[in-house]
Structure formats: C-alpha cells, structure tokens
Amino acid sequence: MQPKILLALLTTLLVTTTTAVPADFESPALDLEKRACKNVEKWEASGGCKTSWAGRCTTACKGEGWDRGCCQGTVVGTISSSHCFVGWNVCKCNCNKS
C-alpha cells in the first residue's frame, strides 16, 4: 500500500473512533432520571411520637420510601417536635417521585 493512502486511512480511523464514543456515558440517563423524579412527596414515618427517633428516622424513611416508589437517593428524614408532648418527636420524611 502507498504510504499516503495508509496514513490517510489511519487518520480517518482515528478521527471516527474518537468522535463516535461519547465522553460522558451516563449523562443522558441521569438527565432523564432527574427529570422523571421531580414530584416531591412528604409524609410522617409510622410510629408517631417517640423519644427514640435519633439514629432511626432516616432508616425508617428509607424503608417506607421504597414502598412508596421514591427515586433512589432522594429520601430524607428529619425529626420534628410538632404536635407531640415536650421531649417527644415525630419523624417527617420526604422524597422525589416520578
């Protein structure tokens, strides 16, 4: 083969393979997932007013969030003293759903 033709073929092959493969493989899927998980749902974790929510609230919310169809990695639990006696708290959860 002629050296010029071989060089042209190799250059063409190099250019087409580097532009054919996207640099960020997961970008379209993540964007689609983020758009699908925009609806926020809020609820109170089962158990009501307790004195022992510390260290258990987030775990309870994640377990209930799975049953509610929450998007992965969006479940958050916070401890609140609303409508409880002094020293007692409830666990309030929220997550994003599709």
PDB file of N, CA and C in Angstrom:
ATOM      1  N   MET A   1       0.827  -1.171   0.000  1.00  0.00           N
ATOM      2  CA  MET A   1       0.000   0.000   0.000  1.00  0.00           C
ATOM      3  C   MET A   1       0.878   1.243   0.000  1.00  0.00           C
ATOM      4  N   GLN A   2       0.364   2.281  -0.611  1.00  0.00           N
ATOM      5  CA  GLN A   2       1.095   3.546  -0.662  1.00  0.00           C
ATOM      6  C   GLN A   2       1.138   4.171   0.738  1.00  0.00           C
ATOM      7  N   PRO A   3       2.223   4.780   1.123  1.00  0.00           N
ATOM      8  CA  PRO A   3       2.327   5.404   2.440  1.00  0.00           C
ATOM      9  C   PRO A   3       1.292   6.508   2.646  1.00  0.00           C
ATOM     10  N   LYS A   4       0.973   7.291   1.611  1.00  0.00           N
ATOM     11  CA  LYS A   4      -0.013   8.374   1.753  1.00  0.00           C
ATOM     12  C   LYS A   4      -1.410   7.804   2.014  1.00  0.00           C
ATOM     13  N   ILE A   5      -1.750   6.736   1.308  1.00  0.00           N
ATOM     14  CA  ILE A   5      -3.065   6.129   1.483  1.00  0.00           C
ATOM     15  C   ILE A   5      -3.167   5.504   2.871  1.00  0.00           C
ATOM     16  N   LEU A   6      -2.120   4.832   3.298  1.00  0.00           N
ATOM     17  CA  LEU A   6      -2.100   4.221   4.629  1.00  0.00           C
ATOM     18  C   LEU A   6      -2.232   5.281   5.718  1.00  0.00           C
ATOM     19  N   LEU A   7      -1.527   6.392   5.574  1.00  0.00           N
ATOM     20  CA  LEU A   7      -1.611   7.478   6.537  1.00  0.00           C
ATOM     21  C   LEU A   7      -3.019   8.080   6.554  1.00  0.00           C
ATOM     22  N   ALA A   8      -3.626   8.253   5.391  1.00  0.00           N
ATOM     23  CA  ALA A   8      -4.984   8.804   5.310  1.00  0.00           C
ATOM     24  C   ALA A   8      -5.992   7.862   5.960  1.00  0.00           C
ATOM     25  N   LEU A   9      -5.863   6.563   5.749  1.00  0.00           N
ATOM     26  CA  LEU A   9      -6.771   5.593   6.351  1.00  0.00           C
ATOM     27  C   LEU A   9      -6.641   5.568   7.880  1.00  0.00           C
ATOM     28  N   LEU A  10      -5.421   5.587   8.356  1.00  0.00           N
ATOM     29  CA  LEU A  10      -5.201   5.587   9.804  1.00  0.00           C
ATOM     30  C   LEU A  10      -5.734   6.860  10.453  1.00  0.00           C
ATOM     31  N   THR A  11      -5.532   7.991   9.788  1.00  0.00           N
ATOM     32  CA  THR A  11      -6.032   9.257  10.326  1.00  0.00           C
ATOM     33  C   THR A  11      -7.561   9.257  10.365  1.00  0.00           C
ATOM     34  N   THR A  12      -8.182   8.775   9.294  1.00  0.00           N
ATOM     35  CA  THR A  12      -9.641   8.693   9.243  1.00  0.00           C
ATOM     36  C   THR A  12     -10.177   7.759  10.318  1.00  0.00           C
ATOM     37  N   LEU A  13      -9.532   6.631  10.484  1.00  0.00           N
ATOM     38  CA  LEU A  13      -9.940   5.674  11.504  1.00  0.00           C
ATOM     39  C   LEU A  13      -9.822   6.275  12.900  1.00  0.00           C
ATOM     40  N   LEU A  14      -8.747   6.975  13.170  1.00  0.00           N
ATOM     41  CA  LEU A  14      -8.527   7.602  14.469  1.00  0.00           C
ATOM     42  C   LEU A  14      -9.578   8.665  14.756  1.00  0.00           C
ATOM     43  N   VAL A  15      -9.883   9.505  13.779  1.00  0.00           N
ATOM     44  CA  VAL A  15     -10.854  10.583  13.970  1.00  0.00           C
ATOM     45  C   VAL A  15     -12.258  10.016  14.178  1.00  0.00           C
ATOM     46  N   THR A  16     -12.645   9.030  13.414  1.00  0.00           N
ATOM     47  CA  THR A  16     -14.002   8.490  13.544  1.00  0.00           C
ATOM     48  C   THR A  16     -14.199   7.732  14.851  1.00  0.00           C
ATOM     49  N   THR A  17     -13.194   7.057  15.342  1.00  0.00           N
ATOM     50  CA  THR A  17     -13.366   6.322  16.603  1.00  0.00           C
ATOM     51  C   THR A  17     -13.378   7.252  17.808  1.00  0.00           C
ATOM     52  N   THR A  18     -12.643   8.332  17.785  1.00  0.00           N
ATOM     53  CA  THR A  18     -12.633   9.242  18.930  1.00  0.00           C
ATOM     54  C   THR A  18     -13.884  10.098  18.980  1.00  0.00           C
ATOM     55  N   THR A  19     -14.508  10.393  17.861  1.00  0.00           N
ATOM     56  CA  THR A  19     -15.730  11.200  17.882  1.00  0.00           C
ATOM     57  C   THR A  19     -16.983  10.343  18.012  1.00  0.00           C
ATOM     58  N   ALA A  20     -16.901   9.054  17.751  1.00  0.00           N
ATOM     59  CA  ALA A  20     -18.078   8.184  17.817  1.00  0.00           C
ATOM     60  C   ALA A  20     -18.427   7.799  19.251  1.00  0.00           C
ATOM     61  N   VAL A  21     -17.457   7.791  20.141  1.00  0.00           N
ATOM     62  CA  VAL A  21     -17.687   7.394  21.525  1.00  0.00           C
ATOM     63  C   VAL A  21     -17.906   8.650  22.359  1.00  0.00           C
ATOM     64  N   PRO A  22     -19.076   8.808  23.004  1.00  0.00           N
ATOM     65  CA  PRO A  22     -19.311   9.995  23.829  1.00  0.00           C
ATOM     66  C   PRO A  22     -18.402   9.996  25.052  1.00  0.00           C
ATOM     67  N   ALA A  23     -18.025  11.176  25.483  1.00  0.00           N
ATOM     68  CA  ALA A  23     -17.121  11.303  26.621  1.00  0.00           C
ATOM     69  C   ALA A  23     -17.822  10.977  27.934  1.00  0.00           C
ATOM     70  N   ASP A  24     -19.120  11.277  28.036  1.00  0.00           N
ATOM     71  CA  ASP A  24     -19.868  11.052  29.268  1.00  0.00           C
ATOM     72  C   ASP A  24     -20.979  10.044  28.990  1.00  0.00           C
ATOM     73  N   PHE A  25     -20.745   8.795  29.351  1.00  0.00           N
ATOM     74  CA  PHE A  25     -21.687   7.730  29.021  1.00  0.00           C
ATOM     75  C   PHE A  25     -23.018   7.860  29.749  1.00  0.00           C
ATOM     76  N   GLU A  26     -23.027   8.319  31.011  1.00  0.00           N
ATOM     77  CA  GLU A  26     -24.228   8.285  31.823  1.00  0.00           C
ATOM     78  C   GLU A  26     -25.032   9.583  31.792  1.00  0.00           C
ATOM     79  N   SER A  27     -24.563  10.588  31.135  1.00  0.00           N
ATOM     80  CA  SER A  27     -25.235  11.881  31.138  1.00  0.00           C
ATOM     81  C   SER A  27     -26.682  11.834  30.667  1.00  0.00           C
ATOM     82  N   PRO A  28     -27.000  11.240  29.516  1.00  0.00           N
ATOM     83  CA  PRO A  28     -28.403  11.241  29.099  1.00  0.00           C
ATOM     84  C   PRO A  28     -29.310  10.482  30.059  1.00  0.00           C
ATOM     85  N   ALA A  29     -28.859   9.382  30.589  1.00  0.00           N
ATOM     86  CA  ALA A  29     -29.689   8.605  31.510  1.00  0.00           C
ATOM     87  C   ALA A  29     -29.923   9.370  32.803  1.00  0.00           C
ATOM     88  N   LEU A  30     -28.888  10.004  33.335  1.00  0.00           N
ATOM     89  CA  LEU A  30     -29.049  10.751  34.575  1.00  0.00           C
ATOM     90  C   LEU A  30     -29.971  11.943  34.382  1.00  0.00           C
ATOM     91  N   ASP A  31     -29.847  12.644  33.258  1.00  0.00           N
ATOM     92  CA  ASP A  31     -30.725  13.771  32.995  1.00  0.00           C
ATOM     93  C   ASP A  31     -32.172  13.308  32.920  1.00  0.00           C
ATOM     94  N   LEU A  32     -32.412  12.200  32.270  1.00  0.00           N
ATOM     95  CA  LEU A  32     -33.759  11.661  32.151  1.00  0.00           C
ATOM     96  C   LEU A  32     -34.307  11.271  33.513  1.00  0.00           C
ATOM     97  N   GLU A  33     -33.456  10.648  34.340  1.00  0.00           N
ATOM     98  CA  GLU A  33     -33.893  10.234  35.673  1.00  0.00           C
ATOM     99  C   GLU A  33     -34.207  11.454  36.544  1.00  0.00           C
ATOM    100  N   LYS A  34     -33.383  12.504  36.449  1.00  0.00           N
ATOM    101  CA  LYS A  34     -33.633  13.707  37.238  1.00  0.00           C
ATOM    102  C   LYS A  34     -34.938  14.365  36.826  1.00  0.00           C
ATOM    103  N   ARG A  35     -35.216  14.383  35.534  1.00  0.00           N
ATOM    104  CA  ARG A  35     -36.470  14.970  35.073  1.00  0.00           C
ATOM    105  C   ARG A  35     -37.663  14.134  35.509  1.00  0.00           C
ATOM    106  N   ALA A  36     -37.477  12.831  35.573  1.00  0.00           N
ATOM    107  CA  ALA A  36     -38.576  11.946  35.950  1.00  0.00           C
ATOM    108  C   ALA A  36     -38.873  12.018  37.446  1.00  0.00           C
ATOM    109  N   CYS A  37     -37.925  12.422  38.258  1.00  0.00           N
ATOM    110  CA  CYS A  37     -38.077  12.429  39.716  1.00  0.00           C
ATOM    111  C   CYS A  37     -38.256  13.847  40.266  1.00  0.00           C
ATOM    112  N   LYS A  38     -39.217  14.575  39.753  1.00  0.00           N
ATOM    113  CA  LYS A  38     -39.404  15.954  40.192  1.00  0.00           C
ATOM    114  C   LYS A  38     -40.511  16.134  41.222  1.00  0.00           C
ATOM    115  N   ASN A  39     -41.429  15.196  41.318  1.00  0.00           N
ATOM    116  CA  ASN A  39     -42.556  15.348  42.239  1.00  0.00           C
ATOM    117  C   ASN A  39     -42.127  15.034  43.665  1.00  0.00           C
ATOM    118  N   VAL A  40     -42.372  15.958  44.583  1.00  0.00           N
ATOM    119  CA  VAL A  40     -41.979  15.787  45.983  1.00  0.00           C
ATOM    120  C   VAL A  40     -43.156  15.215  46.769  1.00  0.00           C
ATOM    121  N   GLU A  41     -42.888  14.189  47.546  1.00  0.00           N
ATOM    122  CA  GLU A  41     -43.903  13.611  48.432  1.00  0.00           C
ATOM    123  C   GLU A  41     -43.410  13.738  49.865  1.00  0.00           C
ATOM    124  N   LYS A  42     -44.308  14.151  50.753  1.00  0.00           N
ATOM    125  CA  LYS A  42     -43.987  14.300  52.179  1.00  0.00           C
ATOM    126  C   LYS A  42     -44.932  13.433  52.985  1.00  0.00           C
ATOM    127  N   TRP A  43     -44.400  12.819  54.042  1.00  0.00           N
ATOM    128  CA  TRP A  43     -45.228  12.010  54.921  1.00  0.00           C
ATOM    129  C   TRP A  43     -44.550  11.897  56.276  1.00  0.00           C
ATOM    130  N   GLU A  44     -45.314  11.419  57.240  1.00  0.00           N
ATOM    131  CA  GLU A  44     -44.787  11.189  58.581  1.00  0.00           C
ATOM    132  C   GLU A  44     -44.532   9.696  58.730  1.00  0.00           C
ATOM    133  N   ALA A  45     -43.345   9.342  59.176  1.00  0.00           N
ATOM    134  CA  ALA A  45     -42.986   7.931  59.324  1.00  0.00           C
ATOM    135  C   ALA A  45     -43.904   7.264  60.339  1.00  0.00           C
ATOM    136  N   SER A  46     -44.214   6.011  60.072  1.00  0.00           N
ATOM    137  CA  SER A  46     -45.081   5.291  61.003  1.00  0.00           C
ATOM    138  C   SER A  46     -44.365   5.132  62.340  1.00  0.00           C
ATOM    139  N   GLY A  47     -45.110   5.253  63.393  1.00  0.00           N
ATOM    140  CA  GLY A  47     -44.531   5.165  64.728  1.00  0.00           C
ATOM    141  C   GLY A  47     -44.989   6.307  65.608  1.00  0.00           C
ATOM    142  N   GLY A  48     -45.376   7.430  64.977  1.00  0.00           N
ATOM    143  CA  GLY A  48     -45.897   8.563  65.736  1.00  0.00           C
ATOM    144  C   GLY A  48     -44.876   9.216  66.640  1.00  0.00           C
ATOM    145  N   CYS A  49     -45.356   9.760  67.739  1.00  0.00           N
ATOM    146  CA  CYS A  49     -44.497  10.468  68.690  1.00  0.00           C
ATOM    147  C   CYS A  49     -43.670   9.465  69.490  1.00  0.00           C
ATOM    148  N   LYS A  50     -42.371   9.676  69.487  1.00  0.00           N
ATOM    149  CA  LYS A  50     -41.444   8.808  70.225  1.00  0.00           C
ATOM    150  C   LYS A  50     -40.325   9.643  70.804  1.00  0.00           C
ATOM    151  N   THR A  51     -39.604   9.061  71.737  1.00  0.00           N
ATOM    152  CA  THR A  51     -38.412   9.723  72.279  1.00  0.00           C
ATOM    153  C   THR A  51     -37.150   9.130  71.671  1.00  0.00           C
ATOM    154  N   SER A  52     -37.292   8.136  70.799  1.00  0.00           N
ATOM    155  CA  SER A  52     -36.122   7.398  70.314  1.00  0.00           C
ATOM    156  C   SER A  52     -35.936   7.468  68.793  1.00  0.00           C
ATOM    157  N   TRP A  53     -36.268   8.593  68.173  1.00  0.00           N
ATOM    158  CA  TRP A  53     -36.098   8.683  66.717  1.00  0.00           C
ATOM    159  C   TRP A  53     -34.644   8.898  66.307  1.00  0.00           C
ATOM    160  N   ALA A  54     -33.816   9.388  67.192  1.00  0.00           N
ATOM    161  CA  ALA A  54     -32.419   9.659  66.849  1.00  0.00           C
ATOM    162  C   ALA A  54     -31.732   8.390  66.344  1.00  0.00           C
ATOM    163  N   GLY A  55     -31.147   8.457  65.176  1.00  0.00           N
ATOM    164  CA  GLY A  55     -30.454   7.316  64.597  1.00  0.00           C
ATOM    165  C   GLY A  55     -31.370   6.341  63.874  1.00  0.00           C
ATOM    166  N   ARG A  56     -32.688   6.554  63.962  1.00  0.00           N
ATOM    167  CA  ARG A  56     -33.627   5.635  63.308  1.00  0.00           C
ATOM    168  C   ARG A  56     -34.519   6.315  62.277  1.00  0.00           C
ATOM    169  N   CYS A  57     -34.603   7.630  62.315  1.00  0.00           N
ATOM    170  CA  CYS A  57     -35.527   8.360  61.448  1.00  0.00           C
ATOM    171  C   CYS A  57     -35.206   8.149  59.972  1.00  0.00           C
ATOM    172  N   THR A  58     -33.972   8.359  59.587  1.00  0.00           N
ATOM    173  CA  THR A  58     -33.596   8.212  58.177  1.00  0.00           C
ATOM    174  C   THR A  58     -33.794   6.783  57.700  1.00  0.00           C
ATOM    175  N   THR A  59     -33.461   5.817  58.535  1.00  0.00           N
ATOM    176  CA  THR A  59     -33.649   4.410  58.171  1.00  0.00           C
ATOM    177  C   THR A  59     -35.124   4.089  57.972  1.00  0.00           C
ATOM    178  N   ALA A  60     -35.968   4.607  58.858  1.00  0.00           N
ATOM    179  CA  ALA A  60     -37.407   4.383  58.728  1.00  0.00           C
ATOM    180  C   ALA A  60     -37.941   5.015  57.447  1.00  0.00           C
ATOM    181  N   CYS A  61     -37.482   6.224  57.146  1.00  0.00           N
ATOM    182  CA  CYS A  61     -37.933   6.915  55.929  1.00  0.00           C
ATOM    183  C   CYS A  61     -37.493   6.168  54.679  1.00  0.00           C
ATOM    184  N   LYS A  62     -36.265   5.675  54.674  1.00  0.00           N
ATOM    185  CA  LYS A  62     -35.788   4.937  53.503  1.00  0.00           C
ATOM    186  C   LYS A  62     -36.595   3.661  53.284  1.00  0.00           C
ATOM    187  N   GLY A  63     -36.932   2.970  54.360  1.00  0.00           N
ATOM    188  CA  GLY A  63     -37.731   1.757  54.234  1.00  0.00           C
ATOM    189  C   GLY A  63     -39.128   2.048  53.709  1.00  0.00           C
ATOM    190  N   GLU A  64     -39.741   3.100  54.225  1.00  0.00           N
ATOM    191  CA  GLU A  64     -41.081   3.467  53.767  1.00  0.00           C
ATOM    192  C   GLU A  64     -41.034   4.083  52.370  1.00  0.00           C
ATOM    193  N   GLY A  65     -39.970   4.793  52.073  1.00  0.00           N
ATOM    194  CA  GLY A  65     -39.824   5.412  50.754  1.00  0.00           C
ATOM    195  C   GLY A  65     -39.745   4.382  49.648  1.00  0.00           C
ATOM    196  N   TRP A  66     -39.118   3.250  49.935  1.00  0.00           N
ATOM    197  CA  TRP A  66     -39.036   2.171  48.956  1.00  0.00           C
ATOM    198  C   TRP A  66     -40.439   1.686  48.589  1.00  0.00           C
ATOM    199  N   ASP A  67     -41.292   1.528  49.604  1.00  0.00           N
ATOM    200  CA  ASP A  67     -42.670   1.087  49.376  1.00  0.00           C
ATOM    201  C   ASP A  67     -43.506   2.144  48.655  1.00  0.00           C
ATOM    202  N   ARG A  68     -43.144   3.402  48.819  1.00  0.00           N
ATOM    203  CA  ARG A  68     -43.892   4.491  48.192  1.00  0.00           C
ATOM    204  C   ARG A  68     -43.425   4.791  46.770  1.00  0.00           C
ATOM    205  N   GLY A  69     -42.385   4.121  46.313  1.00  0.00           N
ATOM    206  CA  GLY A  69     -41.897   4.331  44.953  1.00  0.00           C
ATOM    207  C   GLY A  69     -41.013   5.554  44.788  1.00  0.00           C
ATOM    208  N   CYS A  70     -40.283   5.915  45.830  1.00  0.00           N
ATOM    209  CA  CYS A  70     -39.398   7.076  45.752  1.00  0.00           C
ATOM    210  C   CYS A  70     -38.191   6.774  44.869  1.00  0.00           C
ATOM    211  N   CYS A  71     -37.688   7.800  44.211  1.00  0.00           N
ATOM    212  CA  CYS A  71     -36.488   7.649  43.393  1.00  0.00           C
ATOM    213  C   CYS A  71     -35.291   7.407  44.306  1.00  0.00           C
ATOM    214  N   GLN A  72     -34.370   6.608  43.827  1.00  0.00           N
ATOM    215  CA  GLN A  72     -33.209   6.215  44.624  1.00  0.00           C
ATOM    216  C   GLN A  72     -32.364   7.421  45.006  1.00  0.00           C
ATOM    217  N   GLY A  73     -31.969   7.481  46.269  1.00  0.00           N
ATOM    218  CA  GLY A  73     -31.091   8.536  46.754  1.00  0.00           C
ATOM    219  C   GLY A  73     -31.781   9.853  47.059  1.00  0.00           C
ATOM    220  N   THR A  74     -33.121   9.896  47.059  1.00  0.00           N
ATOM    221  CA  THR A  74     -33.813  11.158  47.310  1.00  0.00           C
ATOM    222  C   THR A  74     -34.562  11.186  48.635  1.00  0.00           C
ATOM    223  N   VAL A  75     -34.531  10.114  49.399  1.00  0.00           N
ATOM    224  CA  VAL A  75     -35.290  10.043  50.656  1.00  0.00           C
ATOM    225  C   VAL A  75     -34.523  10.749  51.768  1.00  0.00           C
ATOM    226  N   VAL A  76     -35.236  11.630  52.482  1.00  0.00           N
ATOM    227  CA  VAL A  76     -34.639  12.386  53.582  1.00  0.00           C
ATOM    228  C   VAL A  76     -35.580  12.314  54.777  1.00  0.00           C
ATOM    229  N   GLY A  77     -35.016  12.142  55.958  1.00  0.00           N
ATOM    230  CA  GLY A  77     -35.801  12.122  57.187  1.00  0.00           C
ATOM    231  C   GLY A  77     -35.333  13.193  58.148  1.00  0.00           C
ATOM    232  N   THR A  78     -36.285  13.900  58.767  1.00  0.00           N
ATOM    233  CA  THR A  78     -35.960  14.924  59.763  1.00  0.00           C
ATOM    234  C   THR A  78     -36.836  14.706  60.993  1.00  0.00           C
ATOM    235  N   ILE A  79     -36.285  15.034  62.135  1.00  0.00           N
ATOM    236  CA  ILE A  79     -37.007  14.870  63.395  1.00  0.00           C
ATOM    237  C   ILE A  79     -37.640  16.200  63.763  1.00  0.00           C
ATOM    238  N   SER A  80     -38.929  16.166  64.095  1.00  0.00           N
ATOM    239  CA  SER A  80     -39.675  17.377  64.418  1.00  0.00           C
ATOM    240  C   SER A  80     -40.508  17.137  65.681  1.00  0.00           C
ATOM    241  N   SER A  81     -40.703  18.194  66.453  1.00  0.00           N
ATOM    242  CA  SER A  81     -41.483  18.052  67.691  1.00  0.00           C
ATOM    243  C   SER A  81     -42.933  18.482  67.507  1.00  0.00           C
ATOM    244  N   SER A  82     -43.381  18.636  66.263  1.00  0.00           N
ATOM    245  CA  SER A  82     -44.743  19.117  66.027  1.00  0.00           C
ATOM    246  C   SER A  82     -45.782  18.159  66.606  1.00  0.00           C
ATOM    247  N   HIS A  83     -46.787  18.700  67.244  1.00  0.00           N
ATOM    248  CA  HIS A  83     -47.946  18.043  67.872  1.00  0.00           C
ATOM    249  C   HIS A  83     -47.603  16.911  68.843  1.00  0.00           C
ATOM    250  N   CYS A  84     -46.422  16.938  69.413  1.00  0.00           N
ATOM    251  CA  CYS A  84     -46.041  15.934  70.413  1.00  0.00           C
ATOM    252  C   CYS A  84     -45.839  16.615  71.762  1.00  0.00           C
ATOM    253  N   PHE A  85     -45.852  15.805  72.825  1.00  0.00           N
ATOM    254  CA  PHE A  85     -45.530  16.319  74.146  1.00  0.00           C
ATOM    255  C   PHE A  85     -44.065  16.749  74.161  1.00  0.00           C
ATOM    256  N   VAL A  86     -43.721  17.575  75.123  1.00  0.00           N
ATOM    257  CA  VAL A  86     -42.343  18.047  75.260  1.00  0.00           C
ATOM    258  C   VAL A  86     -41.409  16.851  75.429  1.00  0.00           C
ATOM    259  N   GLY A  87     -40.342  16.804  74.624  1.00  0.00           N
ATOM    260  CA  GLY A  87     -39.378  15.707  74.683  1.00  0.00           C
ATOM    261  C   GLY A  87     -39.700  14.560  73.743  1.00  0.00           C
ATOM    262  N   TRP A  88     -40.861  14.589  73.135  1.00  0.00           N
ATOM    263  CA  TRP A  88     -41.261  13.558  72.189  1.00  0.00           C
ATOM    264  C   TRP A  88     -41.210  14.150  70.787  1.00  0.00           C
ATOM    265  N   ASN A  89     -40.909  13.335  69.791  1.00  0.00           N
ATOM    266  CA  ASN A  89     -40.759  13.824  68.421  1.00  0.00           C
ATOM    267  C   ASN A  89     -41.404  12.879  67.419  1.00  0.00           C
ATOM    268  N   VAL A  90     -41.625  13.397  66.220  1.00  0.00           N
ATOM    269  CA  VAL A  90     -42.065  12.580  65.084  1.00  0.00           C
ATOM    270  C   VAL A  90     -40.975  12.633  64.028  1.00  0.00           C
ATOM    271  N   CYS A  91     -41.005  11.673  63.150  1.00  0.00           N
ATOM    272  CA  CYS A  91     -40.050  11.605  62.051  1.00  0.00           C
ATOM    273  C   CYS A  91     -40.791  11.999  60.777  1.00  0.00           C
ATOM    274  N   LYS A  92     -40.370  13.085  60.148  1.00  0.00           N
ATOM    275  CA  LYS A  92     -41.001  13.558  58.914  1.00  0.00           C
ATOM    276  C   LYS A  92     -40.094  13.202  57.740  1.00  0.00           C
ATOM    277  N   CYS A  93     -40.694  12.612  56.718  1.00  0.00           N
ATOM    278  CA  CYS A  93     -39.952  12.134  55.563  1.00  0.00           C
ATOM    279  C   CYS A  93     -40.374  12.883  54.305  1.00  0.00           C
ATOM    280  N   ASN A  94     -39.463  12.972  53.360  1.00  0.00           N
ATOM    281  CA  ASN A  94     -39.828  13.447  52.031  1.00  0.00           C
ATOM    282  C   ASN A  94     -38.893  12.819  51.004  1.00  0.00           C
ATOM    283  N   CYS A  95     -39.385  12.756  49.759  1.00  0.00           N
ATOM    284  CA  CYS A  95     -38.597  12.191  48.674  1.00  0.00           C
ATOM    285  C   CYS A  95     -39.124  12.705  47.357  1.00  0.00           C
ATOM    286  N   ASN A  96     -38.399  12.422  46.298  1.00  0.00           N
ATOM    287  CA  ASN A  96     -38.824  12.762  44.944  1.00  0.00           C
ATOM    288  C   ASN A  96     -39.369  11.506  44.298  1.00  0.00           C
ATOM    289  N   LYS A  97     -40.470  11.677  43.577  1.00  0.00           N
ATOM    290  CA  LYS A  97     -41.092  10.560  42.855  1.00  0.00           C
ATOM    291  C   LYS A  97     -41.264  10.932  41.400  1.00  0.00           C
ATOM    292  N   SER A  98     -41.431   9.924  40.592  1.00  0.00           N
ATOM    293  CA  SER A  98     -41.689  10.200  39.181  1.00  0.00           C
ATOM    294  C   SER A  98     -43.169  10.352  38.938  1.00  0.00           C
TER     295      SER A  98
END
